[in-house]
C-alpha atoms as a PDB file:
ATOM      1  CA  UNK A   1     -13.405  -9.304 -16.404  1.00  0.00           C
ATOM      2  CA  UNK A   2     -12.244 -11.426 -13.470  1.00  0.00           C
ATOM      3  CA  UNK A   3      -8.516 -11.355 -12.671  1.00  0.00           C
ATOM      4  CA  UNK A   4      -6.651 -14.644 -12.347  1.00  0.00           C
ATOM      5  CA  UNK A   5      -4.867 -15.473  -9.089  1.00  0.00           C
ATOM      6  CA  UNK A   6      -1.415 -14.553 -10.460  1.00  0.00           C
ATOM      7  CA  UNK A   7      -2.657 -11.099 -11.499  1.00  0.00           C
ATOM      8  CA  UNK A   8      -4.355 -10.573  -8.133  1.00  0.00           C
ATOM      9  CA  UNK A   9      -1.108 -11.456  -6.346  1.00  0.00           C
ATOM     10  CA  UNK A  10       0.945  -9.082  -8.510  1.00  0.00           C
ATOM     11  CA  UNK A  11      -1.452  -6.170  -8.033  1.00  0.00           C
ATOM     12  CA  UNK A  12      -1.677  -6.694  -4.260  1.00  0.00           C
ATOM     13  CA  UNK A  13       2.126  -6.814  -4.226  1.00  0.00           C
ATOM     14  CA  UNK A  14       2.167  -3.246  -5.594  1.00  0.00           C
ATOM     15  CA  UNK A  15       0.218  -2.112  -2.489  1.00  0.00           C
ATOM     16  CA  UNK A  16       2.579  -4.025  -0.226  1.00  0.00           C
ATOM     17  CA  UNK A  17       5.701  -2.578  -1.888  1.00  0.00           C
ATOM     18  CA  UNK A  18       4.165   0.919  -1.734  1.00  0.00           C
ATOM     19  CA  UNK A  19       3.756   0.623   2.048  1.00  0.00           C
ATOM     20  CA  UNK A  20       7.035  -1.206   2.678  1.00  0.00           C
ATOM     21  CA  UNK A  21       8.970   1.244   0.522  1.00  0.00           C
ATOM     22  CA  UNK A  22       7.833   4.190   2.637  1.00  0.00           C
ATOM     23  CA  UNK A  23       8.137   2.479   6.009  1.00  0.00           C
ATOM     24  CA  UNK A  24      11.560   0.924   5.324  1.00  0.00           C
ATOM     25  CA  UNK A  25      12.768   4.095   3.594  1.00  0.00           C
ATOM     26  CA  UNK A  26      13.468   2.038   0.464  1.00  0.00           C
ATOM     27  CA  UNK A  27      12.798   4.813  -2.017  1.00  0.00           C
ATOM     28  CA  UNK A  28      13.817   2.732  -5.045  1.00  0.00           C
ATOM     29  CA  UNK A  29      11.208   0.082  -4.119  1.00  0.00           C
ATOM     30  CA  UNK A  30       8.602   2.781  -3.574  1.00  0.00           C
ATOM     31  CA  UNK A  31       9.390   4.486  -6.878  1.00  0.00           C
ATOM     32  CA  UNK A  32       9.043   1.268  -8.854  1.00  0.00           C
ATOM     33  CA  UNK A  33       5.359   1.183  -7.892  1.00  0.00           C
ATOM     34  CA  UNK A  34       4.568   4.086 -10.253  1.00  0.00           C
ATOM     35  CA  UNK A  35       4.478   4.894 -13.937  1.00  0.00           C
ATOM     36  CA  UNK A  36       6.485   7.886 -15.075  1.00  0.00           C
ATOM     37  CA  UNK A  37       4.748  10.300 -14.983  1.00  0.00           C
ATOM     38  CA  UNK A  38       1.931   9.468 -12.578  1.00  0.00           C
ATOM     39  CA  UNK A  39      -1.167  11.357 -11.458  1.00  0.00           C
ATOM     40  CA  UNK A  40      -1.669  11.911  -7.725  1.00  0.00           C
ATOM     41  CA  UNK A  41      -4.853  13.058  -6.000  1.00  0.00           C
ATOM     42  CA  UNK A  42      -4.314  13.509  -2.269  1.00  0.00           C
ATOM     43  CA  UNK A  43      -6.815  16.389  -2.062  1.00  0.00           C
ATOM     44  CA  UNK A  44      -8.748  14.762   0.807  1.00  0.00           C
ATOM     45  CA  UNK A  45      -5.520  14.971   2.834  1.00  0.00           C
ATOM     46  CA  UNK A  46      -3.807  18.103   1.555  1.00  0.00           C
ATOM     47  CA  UNK A  47      -6.620  20.191   0.083  1.00  0.00           C
ATOM     48  CA  UNK A  48      -4.509  20.658  -3.050  1.00  0.00           C
ATOM     49  CA  UNK A  49      -5.830  19.598  -6.467  1.00  0.00           C
ATOM     50  CA  UNK A  50      -4.652  16.478  -8.262  1.00  0.00           C
ATOM     51  CA  UNK A  51      -1.431  16.812 -10.237  1.00  0.00           C
ATOM     52  CA  UNK A  52       0.791  14.843 -12.554  1.00  0.00           C
ATOM     53  CA  UNK A  53       4.401  14.443 -11.464  1.00  0.00           C
ATOM     54  CA  UNK A  54       7.428  12.540 -12.611  1.00  0.00           C
ATOM     55  CA  UNK A  55       8.159   9.430 -10.589  1.00  0.00           C
ATOM     56  CA  UNK A  56      11.388  11.019  -9.337  1.00  0.00           C
ATOM     57  CA  UNK A  57       9.665  14.229  -8.196  1.00  0.00           C
ATOM     58  CA  UNK A  58       6.916  12.309  -6.385  1.00  0.00           C
ATOM     59  CA  UNK A  59       9.343  10.012  -4.591  1.00  0.00           C
ATOM     60  CA  UNK A  60      11.445  13.000  -3.528  1.00  0.00           C
ATOM     61  CA  UNK A  61       8.342  14.739  -2.098  1.00  0.00           C
ATOM     62  CA  UNK A  62       7.327  11.644  -0.135  1.00  0.00           C
ATOM     63  CA  UNK A  63      10.911  11.080   1.020  1.00  0.00           C
ATOM     64  CA  UNK A  64      11.201  14.639   2.341  1.00  0.00           C
ATOM     65  CA  UNK A  65       8.028  14.356   4.398  1.00  0.00           C
ATOM     66  CA  UNK A  66       7.548  10.698   5.348  1.00  0.00           C
ATOM     67  CA  UNK A  67      11.290  10.117   5.544  1.00  0.00           C
ATOM     68  CA  UNK A  68      11.559  12.848   8.175  1.00  0.00           C
ATOM     69  CA  UNK A  69       9.381  11.057  10.724  1.00  0.00           C
ATOM     70  CA  UNK A  70      11.120   8.811  13.236  1.00  0.00           C
ATOM     71  CA  UNK A  71       8.778   6.033  12.115  1.00  0.00           C
ATOM     72  CA  UNK A  72       5.815   5.408   9.849  1.00  0.00           C
ATOM     73  CA  UNK A  73       3.623   2.382   9.388  1.00  0.00           C
ATOM     74  CA  UNK A  74       1.311   2.031   6.412  1.00  0.00           C
ATOM     75  CA  UNK A  75      -1.029  -0.939   6.621  1.00  0.00           C
ATOM     76  CA  UNK A  76      -2.802  -1.894   3.400  1.00  0.00           C
ATOM     77  CA  UNK A  77      -5.637  -4.413   3.313  1.00  0.00           C
ATOM     78  CA  UNK A  78      -8.881  -5.572   1.728  1.00  0.00           C
ATOM     79  CA  UNK A  79      -7.795  -4.956  -1.856  1.00  0.00           C
ATOM     80  CA  UNK A  80     -10.704  -5.028  -4.303  1.00  0.00           C
ATOM     81  CA  UNK A  81      -9.467  -5.407  -7.873  1.00  0.00           C
ATOM     82  CA  UNK A  82     -11.447  -4.662 -11.021  1.00  0.00           C
ATOM     83  CA  UNK A  83      -9.845  -5.594 -14.322  1.00  0.00           C
ATOM     84  CA  UNK A  84     -10.580  -3.076 -17.079  1.00  0.00           C
ATOM     85  CA  UNK A  85      -8.754  -5.143 -19.692  1.00  0.00           C
ATOM     86  CA  UNK A  86      -5.630  -7.337 -19.819  1.00  0.00           C
ATOM     87  CA  UNK A  87      -3.346  -4.346 -19.181  1.00  0.00           C
ATOM     88  CA  UNK A  88      -5.404  -2.048 -16.935  1.00  0.00           C
ATOM     89  CA  UNK A  89      -6.970  -2.503 -13.503  1.00  0.00           C
ATOM     90  CA  UNK A  90      -8.383  -0.505 -10.616  1.00  0.00           C
ATOM     91  CA  UNK A  91      -7.495  -1.511  -7.067  1.00  0.00           C
ATOM     92  CA  UNK A  92      -9.228  -0.070  -4.004  1.00  0.00           C
ATOM     93  CA  UNK A  93      -7.086  -0.658  -0.914  1.00  0.00           C
ATOM     94  CA  UNK A  94      -8.008   0.130   2.678  1.00  0.00           C
ATOM     95  CA  UNK A  95      -5.340   2.128   4.510  1.00  0.00           C
ATOM     96  CA  UNK A  96      -4.264   2.819   8.045  1.00  0.00           C
ATOM     97  CA  UNK A  97      -1.219   5.112   8.111  1.00  0.00           C
ATOM     98  CA  UNK A  98       0.666   6.017  11.268  1.00  0.00           C
ATOM     99  CA  UNK A  99       3.246   8.829  11.425  1.00  0.00           C
ATOM    100  CA  UNK A 100       5.314   9.258  14.576  1.00  0.00           C
ATOM    101  CA  UNK A 101       8.054  11.311  16.213  1.00  0.00           C
ATOM    102  CA  UNK A 102       9.760  10.008  19.356  1.00  0.00           C
ATOM    103  CA  UNK A 103       9.127  12.114  22.478  1.00  0.00           C
ATOM    104  CA  UNK A 104      12.809  13.117  22.642  1.00  0.00           C
ATOM    105  CA  UNK A 105      12.645  14.260  18.996  1.00  0.00           C
ATOM    106  CA  UNK A 106       9.604  16.388  19.815  1.00  0.00           C
ATOM    107  CA  UNK A 107      11.530  17.904  22.745  1.00  0.00           C
ATOM    108  CA  UNK A 108      14.516  18.740  20.504  1.00  0.00           C
ATOM    109  CA  UNK A 109      12.107  20.346  18.019  1.00  0.00           C
ATOM    110  CA  UNK A 110      10.721  22.531  20.814  1.00  0.00           C
ATOM    111  CA  UNK A 111       7.398  20.678  20.971  1.00  0.00           C
ATOM    112  CA  UNK A 112       7.840  18.484  24.060  1.00  0.00           C
ATOM    113  CA  UNK A 113       4.230  18.965  25.147  1.00  0.00           C
ATOM    114  CA  UNK A 114       2.705  18.466  21.692  1.00  0.00           C
ATOM    115  CA  UNK A 115       1.013  15.364  20.321  1.00  0.00           C
ATOM    116  CA  UNK A 116       3.740  13.307  18.598  1.00  0.00           C
ATOM    117  CA  UNK A 117       1.699  11.239  16.141  1.00  0.00           C
ATOM    118  CA  UNK A 118      -0.941  11.343  13.457  1.00  0.00           C
ATOM    119  CA  UNK A 119      -2.885   8.343  12.253  1.00  0.00           C
ATOM    120  CA  UNK A 120      -4.991   8.401   9.111  1.00  0.00           C
ATOM    121  CA  UNK A 121      -7.597   5.925   7.935  1.00  0.00           C
ATOM    122  CA  UNK A 122      -9.132   5.667   4.521  1.00  0.00           C
ATOM    123  CA  UNK A 123      -8.476   4.049   1.200  1.00  0.00           C
ATOM    124  CA  UNK A 124      -6.516   4.340  -2.007  1.00  0.00           C
ATOM    125  CA  UNK A 125      -8.192   4.032  -5.385  1.00  0.00           C
ATOM    126  CA  UNK A 126      -5.344   3.220  -7.749  1.00  0.00           C
ATOM    127  CA  UNK A 127      -5.503   2.834 -11.502  1.00  0.00           C
ATOM    128  CA  UNK A 128      -2.769   0.416 -12.543  1.00  0.00           C
ATOM    129  CA  UNK A 129      -1.266  -0.467 -15.903  1.00  0.00           C
ATOM    130  CA  UNK A 130       0.829  -3.416 -16.962  1.00  0.00           C
ATOM    131  CA  UNK A 131       4.113  -1.765 -17.975  1.00  0.00           C
ATOM    132  CA  UNK A 132       6.675  -4.085 -19.589  1.00  0.00           C
ATOM    133  CA  UNK A 133       5.359  -7.009 -17.550  1.00  0.00           C
ATOM    134  CA  UNK A 134       5.174  -5.083 -14.249  1.00  0.00           C
ATOM    135  CA  UNK A 135       2.012  -3.664 -12.703  1.00  0.00           C
ATOM    136  CA  UNK A 136       2.450   0.023 -11.792  1.00  0.00           C
ATOM    137  CA  UNK A 137       0.194   2.744 -10.427  1.00  0.00           C
ATOM    138  CA  UNK A 138      -0.710   5.320 -13.099  1.00  0.00           C
ATOM    139  CA  UNK A 139      -3.252   7.231 -10.982  1.00  0.00           C
ATOM    140  CA  UNK A 140      -3.083   7.250  -7.170  1.00  0.00           C
ATOM    141  CA  UNK A 141      -6.047   8.683  -5.256  1.00  0.00           C
ATOM    142  CA  UNK A 142      -6.119   8.902  -1.461  1.00  0.00           C
ATOM    143  CA  UNK A 143      -9.426   9.262   0.378  1.00  0.00           C
ATOM    144  CA  UNK A 144      -8.961  10.050   4.070  1.00  0.00           C
ATOM    145  CA  UNK A 145     -12.040   9.085   6.091  1.00  0.00           C
ATOM    146  CA  UNK A 146     -10.716   9.654   9.603  1.00  0.00           C
ATOM    147  CA  UNK A 147      -7.749  11.064  11.474  1.00  0.00           C
ATOM    148  CA  UNK A 148      -6.509  11.050  15.049  1.00  0.00           C
ATOM    149  CA  UNK A 149      -3.518  12.713  16.647  1.00  0.00           C
ATOM    150  CA  UNK A 150      -2.099  15.943  15.287  1.00  0.00           C
ATOM    151  CA  UNK A 151      -1.870  16.993  11.648  1.00  0.00           C
ATOM    152  CA  UNK A 152       0.675  19.607  12.840  1.00  0.00           C
ATOM    153  CA  UNK A 153       3.398  16.954  12.902  1.00  0.00           C
ATOM    154  CA  UNK A 154       3.281  16.966   9.092  1.00  0.00           C
ATOM    155  CA  UNK A 155       4.353  20.624   9.210  1.00  0.00           C
ATOM    156  CA  UNK A 156       7.325  19.592  11.359  1.00  0.00           C
ATOM    157  CA  UNK A 157       8.200  16.743   8.972  1.00  0.00           C
ATOM    158  CA  UNK A 158       7.970  19.038   5.928  1.00  0.00           C
ATOM    159  CA  UNK A 159      10.220  21.608   7.641  1.00  0.00           C
ATOM    160  CA  UNK A 160      12.775  18.896   8.448  1.00  0.00           C
ATOM    161  CA  UNK A 161      12.605  17.635   4.858  1.00  0.00           C
ATOM    162  CA  UNK A 162      13.076  21.170   3.522  1.00  0.00           C
ATOM    163  CA  UNK A 163      16.097  21.682   5.781  1.00  0.00           C
ATOM    164  CA  UNK A 164      14.552  24.578   7.723  1.00  0.00           C
ATOM    165  CA  UNK A 165      14.308  22.513  10.927  1.00  0.00           C
ATOM    166  CA  UNK A 166      16.705  19.912  12.310  1.00  0.00           C
ATOM    167  CA  UNK A 167      16.010  16.881  14.501  1.00  0.00           C
ATOM    168  CA  UNK A 168      19.549  17.156  15.940  1.00  0.00           C
END
């Protein structure tokens, strides 16, 4: 089944709102991208198995980690959409995700000489459903193909998000 141009635009918009929601710290926008609950498989990044979470719980997890960086930039491109039926689609989206702490933040965290960024490349394979006229991600799978910088900055971001470390 070939999607029409309006459907393609709406599904690509989900990818754009996903990225913009994280990078602009607009957690309501980000949350609206998902069904409730939603399945998440980030095992290629985290090593943890896939799990189903409420929309609220997922957004809070992402907010605590990604929201703790001084800046992030998620670039989504090359969306390939396969329609399963009128209400279900799969979208594979290429990803380049940058996570960054300012040098002065790293110094305040006691890591002045550490690498202050991590960049990931890969793709999302998202299963979407048409939910009350809005396309939403029901299953979100991340496949990381490459990484540069330091994965250790995610530990710092998680500690900041958990309140066990302060950027001040």
